[in-house]
Amino acid sequence: LYSAVMERKVKPCMAMTGELTLRGRVLAIGGLKEKLLAAKAAGVTDVFVPEENQRDVAELEEEVRKDIAIHYAKKVDEIWKQILLPEKR
């Protein structure tokens, strides 16, 4: 929604998962393994996950973590800076 409001596209092959608060905090989620496997199957190469899920990522099998870059975030504005393409000129 944010990219649509800002009229800026998201870089291809990037995704995020997590619950967002109205103040922009990224909250921990469950089912991370399944979400990462689905992202890989869809061709996603970079995924942003809640920082609180670092322990869950560390416990995942190497096969799940292979070929996908996992980035951690506490606040959603950390994500926007990295995934939005430059503004139209």
PDB file of N, CA and C in Angstrom:
ATOM      1  N   LEU A   1       0.821  -1.196   0.000  1.00  0.00           N
ATOM      2  CA  LEU A   1       0.000   0.000   0.000  1.00  0.00           C
ATOM      3  C   LEU A   1       0.864   1.260   0.000  1.00  0.00           C
ATOM      4  N   TYR A   2       1.932   1.219   0.780  1.00  0.00           N
ATOM      5  CA  TYR A   2       2.801   2.391   0.881  1.00  0.00           C
ATOM      6  C   TYR A   2       3.390   2.742  -0.477  1.00  0.00           C
ATOM      7  N   SER A   3       3.835   1.746  -1.223  1.00  0.00           N
ATOM      8  CA  SER A   3       4.430   2.028  -2.534  1.00  0.00           C
ATOM      9  C   SER A   3       3.387   2.641  -3.468  1.00  0.00           C
ATOM     10  N   ALA A   4       2.143   2.213  -3.385  1.00  0.00           N
ATOM     11  CA  ALA A   4       1.088   2.783  -4.227  1.00  0.00           C
ATOM     12  C   ALA A   4       0.812   4.235  -3.843  1.00  0.00           C
ATOM     13  N   VAL A   5       0.749   4.508  -2.556  1.00  0.00           N
ATOM     14  CA  VAL A   5       0.495   5.870  -2.092  1.00  0.00           C
ATOM     15  C   VAL A   5       1.645   6.795  -2.491  1.00  0.00           C
ATOM     16  N   MET A   6       2.864   6.306  -2.384  1.00  0.00           N
ATOM     17  CA  MET A   6       4.045   7.108  -2.705  1.00  0.00           C
ATOM     18  C   MET A   6       4.345   7.117  -4.201  1.00  0.00           C
ATOM     19  N   GLU A   7       3.585   6.321  -4.965  1.00  0.00           N
ATOM     20  CA  GLU A   7       3.772   6.197  -6.406  1.00  0.00           C
ATOM     21  C   GLU A   7       5.203   5.788  -6.753  1.00  0.00           C
ATOM     22  N   ARG A   8       5.711   4.812  -6.002  1.00  0.00           N
ATOM     23  CA  ARG A   8       7.049   4.265  -6.231  1.00  0.00           C
ATOM     24  C   ARG A   8       6.938   2.753  -6.252  1.00  0.00           C
ATOM     25  N   LYS A   9       7.567   2.143  -7.239  1.00  0.00           N
ATOM     26  CA  LYS A   9       7.535   0.694  -7.352  1.00  0.00           C
ATOM     27  C   LYS A   9       8.518   0.051  -6.388  1.00  0.00           C
ATOM     28  N   VAL A  10       8.246  -1.206  -6.073  1.00  0.00           N
ATOM     29  CA  VAL A  10       9.132  -2.004  -5.236  1.00  0.00           C
ATOM     30  C   VAL A  10      10.124  -2.719  -6.150  1.00  0.00           C
ATOM     31  N   LYS A  11      11.374  -2.811  -5.714  1.00  0.00           N
ATOM     32  CA  LYS A  11      12.371  -3.538  -6.492  1.00  0.00           C
ATOM     33  C   LYS A  11      11.877  -4.965  -6.716  1.00  0.00           C
ATOM     34  N   PRO A  12      12.128  -5.511  -7.906  1.00  0.00           N
ATOM     35  CA  PRO A  12      11.679  -6.881  -8.169  1.00  0.00           C
ATOM     36  C   PRO A  12      12.363  -7.889  -7.251  1.00  0.00           C
ATOM     37  N   CYS A  13      11.726  -8.991  -7.028  1.00  0.00           N
ATOM     38  CA  CYS A  13      12.270 -10.117  -6.251  1.00  0.00           C
ATOM     39  C   CYS A  13      12.475  -9.811  -4.779  1.00  0.00           C
ATOM     40  N   MET A  14      11.784  -8.810  -4.234  1.00  0.00           N
ATOM     41  CA  MET A  14      11.900  -8.485  -2.810  1.00  0.00           C
ATOM     42  C   MET A  14      10.541  -8.657  -2.151  1.00  0.00           C
ATOM     43  N   ALA A  15      10.576  -9.065  -0.877  1.00  0.00           N
ATOM     44  CA  ALA A  15       9.336  -9.257  -0.131  1.00  0.00           C
ATOM     45  C   ALA A  15       9.590  -8.991   1.346  1.00  0.00           C
ATOM     46  N   MET A  16       8.507  -8.885   2.094  1.00  0.00           N
ATOM     47  CA  MET A  16       8.619  -8.745   3.542  1.00  0.00           C
ATOM     48  C   MET A  16       7.496  -9.531   4.186  1.00  0.00           C
ATOM     49  N   THR A  17       7.733  -9.921   5.426  1.00  0.00           N
ATOM     50  CA  THR A  17       6.689 -10.563   6.209  1.00  0.00           C
ATOM     51  C   THR A  17       6.778 -10.012   7.620  1.00  0.00           C
ATOM     52  N   GLY A  18       5.664  -9.963   8.277  1.00  0.00           N
ATOM     53  CA  GLY A  18       5.609  -9.427   9.626  1.00  0.00           C
ATOM     54  C   GLY A  18       4.337  -8.629   9.791  1.00  0.00           C
ATOM     55  N   GLU A  19       3.968  -8.420  11.014  1.00  0.00           N
ATOM     56  CA  GLU A  19       2.812  -7.582  11.299  1.00  0.00           C
ATOM     57  C   GLU A  19       3.307  -6.184  11.604  1.00  0.00           C
ATOM     58  N   LEU A  20       2.608  -5.187  11.079  1.00  0.00           N
ATOM     59  CA  LEU A  20       3.005  -3.796  11.294  1.00  0.00           C
ATOM     60  C   LEU A  20       2.039  -3.121  12.252  1.00  0.00           C
ATOM     61  N   THR A  21       2.600  -2.358  13.195  1.00  0.00           N
ATOM     62  CA  THR A  21       1.753  -1.551  14.067  1.00  0.00           C
ATOM     63  C   THR A  21       1.484  -0.222  13.370  1.00  0.00           C
ATOM     64  N   LEU A  22       0.550   0.536  13.886  1.00  0.00           N
ATOM     65  CA  LEU A  22       0.256   1.854  13.315  1.00  0.00           C
ATOM     66  C   LEU A  22       1.437   2.804  13.460  1.00  0.00           C
ATOM     67  N   ARG A  23       2.333   2.516  14.365  1.00  0.00           N
ATOM     68  CA  ARG A  23       3.523   3.347  14.553  1.00  0.00           C
ATOM     69  C   ARG A  23       4.737   2.832  13.782  1.00  0.00           C
ATOM     70  N   GLY A  24       4.535   1.782  12.983  1.00  0.00           N
ATOM     71  CA  GLY A  24       5.596   1.308  12.109  1.00  0.00           C
ATOM     72  C   GLY A  24       6.501   0.228  12.663  1.00  0.00           C
ATOM     73  N   ARG A  25       6.185  -0.315  13.828  1.00  0.00           N
ATOM     74  CA  ARG A  25       6.984  -1.426  14.354  1.00  0.00           C
ATOM     75  C   ARG A  25       6.665  -2.691  13.581  1.00  0.00           C
ATOM     76  N   VAL A  26       7.700  -3.510  13.352  1.00  0.00           N
ATOM     77  CA  VAL A  26       7.522  -4.792  12.682  1.00  0.00           C
ATOM     78  C   VAL A  26       7.509  -5.864  13.768  1.00  0.00           C
ATOM     79  N   LEU A  27       6.373  -6.531  13.929  1.00  0.00           N
ATOM     80  CA  LEU A  27       6.196  -7.510  14.994  1.00  0.00           C
ATOM     81  C   LEU A  27       6.494  -8.926  14.510  1.00  0.00           C
ATOM     82  N   ALA A  28       6.928  -9.766  15.419  1.00  0.00           N
ATOM     83  CA  ALA A  28       7.268 -11.155  15.122  1.00  0.00           C
ATOM     84  C   ALA A  28       6.071 -11.914  14.567  1.00  0.00           C
ATOM     85  N   ILE A  29       6.377 -12.950  13.797  1.00  0.00           N
ATOM     86  CA  ILE A  29       5.337 -13.765  13.171  1.00  0.00           C
ATOM     87  C   ILE A  29       5.655 -15.245  13.379  1.00  0.00           C
ATOM     88  N   GLY A  30       4.689 -16.078  13.095  1.00  0.00           N
ATOM     89  CA  GLY A  30       4.874 -17.527  13.117  1.00  0.00           C
ATOM     90  C   GLY A  30       4.859 -18.057  11.692  1.00  0.00           C
ATOM     91  N   GLY A  31       5.179 -19.321  11.526  1.00  0.00           N
ATOM     92  CA  GLY A  31       5.143 -19.935  10.202  1.00  0.00           C
ATOM     93  C   GLY A  31       6.215 -19.425   9.262  1.00  0.00           C
ATOM     94  N   LEU A  32       7.339 -19.021   9.819  1.00  0.00           N
ATOM     95  CA  LEU A  32       8.394 -18.409   9.004  1.00  0.00           C
ATOM     96  C   LEU A  32       8.940 -19.367   7.945  1.00  0.00           C
ATOM     97  N   LYS A  33       9.137 -20.616   8.311  1.00  0.00           N
ATOM     98  CA  LYS A  33       9.687 -21.587   7.350  1.00  0.00           C
ATOM     99  C   LYS A  33       8.804 -21.673   6.114  1.00  0.00           C
ATOM    100  N   GLU A  34       7.520 -21.802   6.301  1.00  0.00           N
ATOM    101  CA  GLU A  34       6.589 -21.924   5.189  1.00  0.00           C
ATOM    102  C   GLU A  34       6.567 -20.657   4.344  1.00  0.00           C
ATOM    103  N   LYS A  35       6.658 -19.507   4.993  1.00  0.00           N
ATOM    104  CA  LYS A  35       6.653 -18.242   4.269  1.00  0.00           C
ATOM    105  C   LYS A  35       7.913 -18.080   3.432  1.00  0.00           C
ATOM    106  N   LEU A  36       9.063 -18.488   3.971  1.00  0.00           N
ATOM    107  CA  LEU A  36      10.301 -18.404   3.201  1.00  0.00           C
ATOM    108  C   LEU A  36      10.298 -19.378   2.032  1.00  0.00           C
ATOM    109  N   LEU A  37       9.786 -20.577   2.241  1.00  0.00           N
ATOM    110  CA  LEU A  37       9.710 -21.546   1.144  1.00  0.00           C
ATOM    111  C   LEU A  37       8.778 -21.041   0.040  1.00  0.00           C
ATOM    112  N   ALA A  38       7.667 -20.425   0.415  1.00  0.00           N
ATOM    113  CA  ALA A  38       6.740 -19.875  -0.579  1.00  0.00           C
ATOM    114  C   ALA A  38       7.385 -18.717  -1.338  1.00  0.00           C
ATOM    115  N   ALA A  39       8.140 -17.884  -0.620  1.00  0.00           N
ATOM    116  CA  ALA A  39       8.832 -16.766  -1.272  1.00  0.00           C
ATOM    117  C   ALA A  39       9.845 -17.287  -2.291  1.00  0.00           C
ATOM    118  N   LYS A  40      10.611 -18.297  -1.904  1.00  0.00           N
ATOM    119  CA  LYS A  40      11.581 -18.876  -2.829  1.00  0.00           C
ATOM    120  C   LYS A  40      10.890 -19.450  -4.058  1.00  0.00           C
ATOM    121  N   ALA A  41       9.789 -20.135  -3.855  1.00  0.00           N
ATOM    122  CA  ALA A  41       9.050 -20.733  -4.972  1.00  0.00           C
ATOM    123  C   ALA A  41       8.517 -19.661  -5.920  1.00  0.00           C
ATOM    124  N   ALA A  42       8.255 -18.473  -5.399  1.00  0.00           N
ATOM    125  CA  ALA A  42       7.745 -17.366  -6.209  1.00  0.00           C
ATOM    126  C   ALA A  42       8.861 -16.570  -6.873  1.00  0.00           C
ATOM    127  N   GLY A  43      10.119 -16.949  -6.627  1.00  0.00           N
ATOM    128  CA  GLY A  43      11.236 -16.254  -7.251  1.00  0.00           C
ATOM    129  C   GLY A  43      11.793 -15.089  -6.458  1.00  0.00           C
ATOM    130  N   VAL A  44      11.392 -14.954  -5.218  1.00  0.00           N
ATOM    131  CA  VAL A  44      11.895 -13.883  -4.356  1.00  0.00           C
ATOM    132  C   VAL A  44      13.329 -14.210  -3.950  1.00  0.00           C
ATOM    133  N   THR A  45      14.209 -13.202  -3.992  1.00  0.00           N
ATOM    134  CA  THR A  45      15.611 -13.410  -3.618  1.00  0.00           C
ATOM    135  C   THR A  45      15.985 -12.724  -2.306  1.00  0.00           C
ATOM    136  N   ASP A  46      15.195 -11.731  -1.890  1.00  0.00           N
ATOM    137  CA  ASP A  46      15.452 -10.996  -0.651  1.00  0.00           C
ATOM    138  C   ASP A  46      14.158 -10.887   0.138  1.00  0.00           C
ATOM    139  N   VAL A  47      14.224 -11.235   1.426  1.00  0.00           N
ATOM    140  CA  VAL A  47      13.042 -11.159   2.286  1.00  0.00           C
ATOM    141  C   VAL A  47      13.401 -10.403   3.561  1.00  0.00           C
ATOM    142  N   PHE A  48      12.538  -9.485   3.936  1.00  0.00           N
ATOM    143  CA  PHE A  48      12.674  -8.776   5.201  1.00  0.00           C
ATOM    144  C   PHE A  48      11.762  -9.450   6.212  1.00  0.00           C
ATOM    145  N   VAL A  49      12.329  -9.794   7.361  1.00  0.00           N
ATOM    146  CA  VAL A  49      11.567 -10.438   8.424  1.00  0.00           C
ATOM    147  C   VAL A  49      11.755  -9.633   9.711  1.00  0.00           C
ATOM    148  N   PRO A  50      10.850  -9.786  10.656  1.00  0.00           N
ATOM    149  CA  PRO A  50      10.990  -9.068  11.922  1.00  0.00           C
ATOM    150  C   PRO A  50      12.293  -9.453  12.637  1.00  0.00           C
ATOM    151  N   GLU A  51      12.941  -8.467  13.219  1.00  0.00           N
ATOM    152  CA  GLU A  51      14.177  -8.720  13.963  1.00  0.00           C
ATOM    153  C   GLU A  51      13.952  -9.741  15.074  1.00  0.00           C
ATOM    154  N   GLU A  52      12.749  -9.735  15.634  1.00  0.00           N
ATOM    155  CA  GLU A  52      12.425 -10.671  16.716  1.00  0.00           C
ATOM    156  C   GLU A  52      12.415 -12.128  16.250  1.00  0.00           C
ATOM    157  N   ASN A  53      12.430 -12.380  14.953  1.00  0.00           N
ATOM    158  CA  ASN A  53      12.426 -13.734  14.413  1.00  0.00           C
ATOM    159  C   ASN A  53      13.833 -14.250  14.077  1.00  0.00           C
ATOM    160  N   GLN A  54      14.881 -13.536  14.485  1.00  0.00           N
ATOM    161  CA  GLN A  54      16.251 -13.981  14.193  1.00  0.00           C
ATOM    162  C   GLN A  54      16.513 -15.390  14.719  1.00  0.00           C
ATOM    163  N   ARG A  55      16.060 -15.683  15.907  1.00  0.00           N
ATOM    164  CA  ARG A  55      16.283 -17.005  16.495  1.00  0.00           C
ATOM    165  C   ARG A  55      15.616 -18.086  15.646  1.00  0.00           C
ATOM    166  N   ASP A  56      14.426 -17.783  15.138  1.00  0.00           N
ATOM    167  CA  ASP A  56      13.712 -18.742  14.292  1.00  0.00           C
ATOM    168  C   ASP A  56      14.483 -19.010  13.000  1.00  0.00           C
ATOM    169  N   VAL A  57      15.049 -17.979  12.416  1.00  0.00           N
ATOM    170  CA  VAL A  57      15.835 -18.137  11.183  1.00  0.00           C
ATOM    171  C   VAL A  57      17.059 -19.002  11.460  1.00  0.00           C
ATOM    172  N   ALA A  58      17.721 -18.761  12.577  1.00  0.00           N
ATOM    173  CA  ALA A  58      18.917 -19.528  12.925  1.00  0.00           C
ATOM    174  C   ALA A  58      18.613 -21.017  13.085  1.00  0.00           C
ATOM    175  N   GLU A  59      17.393 -21.349  13.474  1.00  0.00           N
ATOM    176  CA  GLU A  59      17.008 -22.746  13.680  1.00  0.00           C
ATOM    177  C   GLU A  59      16.562 -23.445  12.396  1.00  0.00           C
ATOM    178  N   LEU A  60      16.394 -22.701  11.305  1.00  0.00           N
ATOM    179  CA  LEU A  60      15.939 -23.292  10.049  1.00  0.00           C
ATOM    180  C   LEU A  60      17.050 -24.105   9.388  1.00  0.00           C
ATOM    181  N   GLU A  61      16.653 -25.121   8.637  1.00  0.00           N
ATOM    182  CA  GLU A  61      17.608 -25.926   7.895  1.00  0.00           C
ATOM    183  C   GLU A  61      18.285 -25.063   6.836  1.00  0.00           C
ATOM    184  N   GLU A  62      19.523 -25.410   6.503  1.00  0.00           N
ATOM    185  CA  GLU A  62      20.282 -24.672   5.498  1.00  0.00           C
ATOM    186  C   GLU A  62      19.534 -24.650   4.163  1.00  0.00           C
ATOM    187  N   GLU A  63      18.852 -25.726   3.833  1.00  0.00           N
ATOM    188  CA  GLU A  63      18.113 -25.805   2.565  1.00  0.00           C
ATOM    189  C   GLU A  63      17.048 -24.713   2.464  1.00  0.00           C
ATOM    190  N   VAL A  64      16.450 -24.354   3.582  1.00  0.00           N
ATOM    191  CA  VAL A  64      15.428 -23.303   3.586  1.00  0.00           C
ATOM    192  C   VAL A  64      16.081 -21.939   3.398  1.00  0.00           C
ATOM    193  N   ARG A  65      17.229 -21.711   4.036  1.00  0.00           N
ATOM    194  CA  ARG A  65      17.908 -20.413   3.993  1.00  0.00           C
ATOM    195  C   ARG A  65      18.749 -20.212   2.728  1.00  0.00           C
ATOM    196  N   LYS A  66      19.044 -21.318   2.032  1.00  0.00           N
ATOM    197  CA  LYS A  66      19.897 -21.243   0.849  1.00  0.00           C
ATOM    198  C   LYS A  66      19.213 -20.461  -0.270  1.00  0.00           C
ATOM    199  N   ASP A  67      19.980 -19.665  -0.988  1.00  0.00           N
ATOM    200  CA  ASP A  67      19.523 -18.920  -2.171  1.00  0.00           C
ATOM    201  C   ASP A  67      18.509 -17.821  -1.871  1.00  0.00           C
ATOM    202  N   ILE A  68      18.439 -17.378  -0.629  1.00  0.00           N
ATOM    203  CA  ILE A  68      17.561 -16.261  -0.285  1.00  0.00           C
ATOM    204  C   ILE A  68      18.269 -15.409   0.768  1.00  0.00           C
ATOM    205  N   ALA A  69      18.321 -14.112   0.533  1.00  0.00           N
ATOM    206  CA  ALA A  69      18.935 -13.192   1.488  1.00  0.00           C
ATOM    207  C   ALA A  69      17.871 -12.761   2.488  1.00  0.00           C
ATOM    208  N   ILE A  70      18.176 -12.938   3.761  1.00  0.00           N
ATOM    209  CA  ILE A  70      17.226 -12.593   4.817  1.00  0.00           C
ATOM    210  C   ILE A  70      17.740 -11.358   5.534  1.00  0.00           C
ATOM    211  N   HIS A  71      16.902 -10.330   5.574  1.00  0.00           N
ATOM    212  CA  HIS A  71      17.229  -9.064   6.225  1.00  0.00           C
ATOM    213  C   HIS A  71      16.278  -8.881   7.404  1.00  0.00           C
ATOM    214  N   TYR A  72      16.759  -8.242   8.456  1.00  0.00           N
ATOM    215  CA  TYR A  72      15.947  -8.050   9.664  1.00  0.00           C
ATOM    216  C   TYR A  72      15.577  -6.586   9.835  1.00  0.00           C
ATOM    217  N   ALA A  73      14.391  -6.350  10.373  1.00  0.00           N
ATOM    218  CA  ALA A  73      13.936  -4.976  10.592  1.00  0.00           C
ATOM    219  C   ALA A  73      13.121  -4.887  11.870  1.00  0.00           C
ATOM    220  N   LYS A  74      13.289  -3.752  12.556  1.00  0.00           N
ATOM    221  CA  LYS A  74      12.478  -3.429  13.736  1.00  0.00           C
ATOM    222  C   LYS A  74      11.364  -2.464  13.358  1.00  0.00           C
ATOM    223  N   LYS A  75      11.670  -1.548  12.428  1.00  0.00           N
ATOM    224  CA  LYS A  75      10.724  -0.523  12.002  1.00  0.00           C
ATOM    225  C   LYS A  75      10.552  -0.604  10.489  1.00  0.00           C
ATOM    226  N   VAL A  76       9.361  -0.343  10.020  1.00  0.00           N
ATOM    227  CA  VAL A  76       9.068  -0.474   8.595  1.00  0.00           C
ATOM    228  C   VAL A  76       9.834   0.545   7.749  1.00  0.00           C
ATOM    229  N   ASP A  77      10.180   1.714   8.316  1.00  0.00           N
ATOM    230  CA  ASP A  77      10.924   2.689   7.517  1.00  0.00           C
ATOM    231  C   ASP A  77      12.312   2.177   7.144  1.00  0.00           C
ATOM    232  N   GLU A  78      12.861   1.226   7.906  1.00  0.00           N
ATOM    233  CA  GLU A  78      14.140   0.601   7.540  1.00  0.00           C
ATOM    234  C   GLU A  78      13.981  -0.195   6.245  1.00  0.00           C
ATOM    235  N   ILE A  79      12.804  -0.732   6.044  1.00  0.00           N
ATOM    236  CA  ILE A  79      12.527  -1.552   4.862  1.00  0.00           C
ATOM    237  C   ILE A  79      12.302  -0.666   3.648  1.00  0.00           C
ATOM    238  N   TRP A  80      11.490   0.389   3.784  1.00  0.00           N
ATOM    239  CA  TRP A  80      11.179   1.248   2.635  1.00  0.00           C
ATOM    240  C   TRP A  80      12.439   1.764   1.969  1.00  0.00           C
ATOM    241  N   LYS A  81      13.422   2.159   2.777  1.00  0.00           N
ATOM    242  CA  LYS A  81      14.661   2.717   2.230  1.00  0.00           C
ATOM    243  C   LYS A  81      15.365   1.741   1.301  1.00  0.00           C
ATOM    244  N   GLN A  82      15.185   0.466   1.519  1.00  0.00           N
ATOM    245  CA  GLN A  82      15.915  -0.537   0.753  1.00  0.00           C
ATOM    246  C   GLN A  82      15.117  -1.162  -0.389  1.00  0.00           C
ATOM    247  N   ILE A  83      13.797  -1.121  -0.321  1.00  0.00           N
ATOM    248  CA  ILE A  83      13.043  -1.849  -1.346  1.00  0.00           C
ATOM    249  C   ILE A  83      12.367  -0.970  -2.397  1.00  0.00           C
ATOM    250  N   LEU A  84      12.204   0.315  -2.129  1.00  0.00           N
ATOM    251  CA  LEU A  84      11.526   1.162  -3.103  1.00  0.00           C
ATOM    252  C   LEU A  84      12.502   1.649  -4.163  1.00  0.00           C
ATOM    253  N   LEU A  85      12.059   1.623  -5.411  1.00  0.00           N
ATOM    254  CA  LEU A  85      12.848   2.167  -6.507  1.00  0.00           C
ATOM    255  C   LEU A  85      12.859   3.680  -6.392  1.00  0.00           C
ATOM    256  N   PRO A  86      13.828   4.340  -7.011  1.00  0.00           N
ATOM    257  CA  PRO A  86      13.881   5.817  -6.951  1.00  0.00           C
ATOM    258  C   PRO A  86      12.601   6.443  -7.500  1.00  0.00           C
ATOM    259  N   GLU A  87      12.348   7.661  -7.040  1.00  0.00           N
ATOM    260  CA  GLU A  87      11.167   8.387  -7.487  1.00  0.00           C
ATOM    261  C   GLU A  87      11.242   8.670  -8.981  1.00  0.00           C
ATOM    262  N   LYS A  88      10.055   8.781  -9.603  1.00  0.00           N
ATOM    263  CA  LYS A  88       9.989   9.156 -11.009  1.00  0.00           C
ATOM    264  C   LYS A  88      10.431  10.601 -11.144  1.00  0.00           C
ATOM    265  N   ARG A  89      11.067  10.898 -12.208  1.00  0.00           N
ATOM    266  CA  ARG A  89      11.508  12.287 -12.451  1.00  0.00           C
ATOM    267  C   ARG A  89      10.711  12.892 -13.552  1.00  0.00           C
TER     268      ARG A  89
END
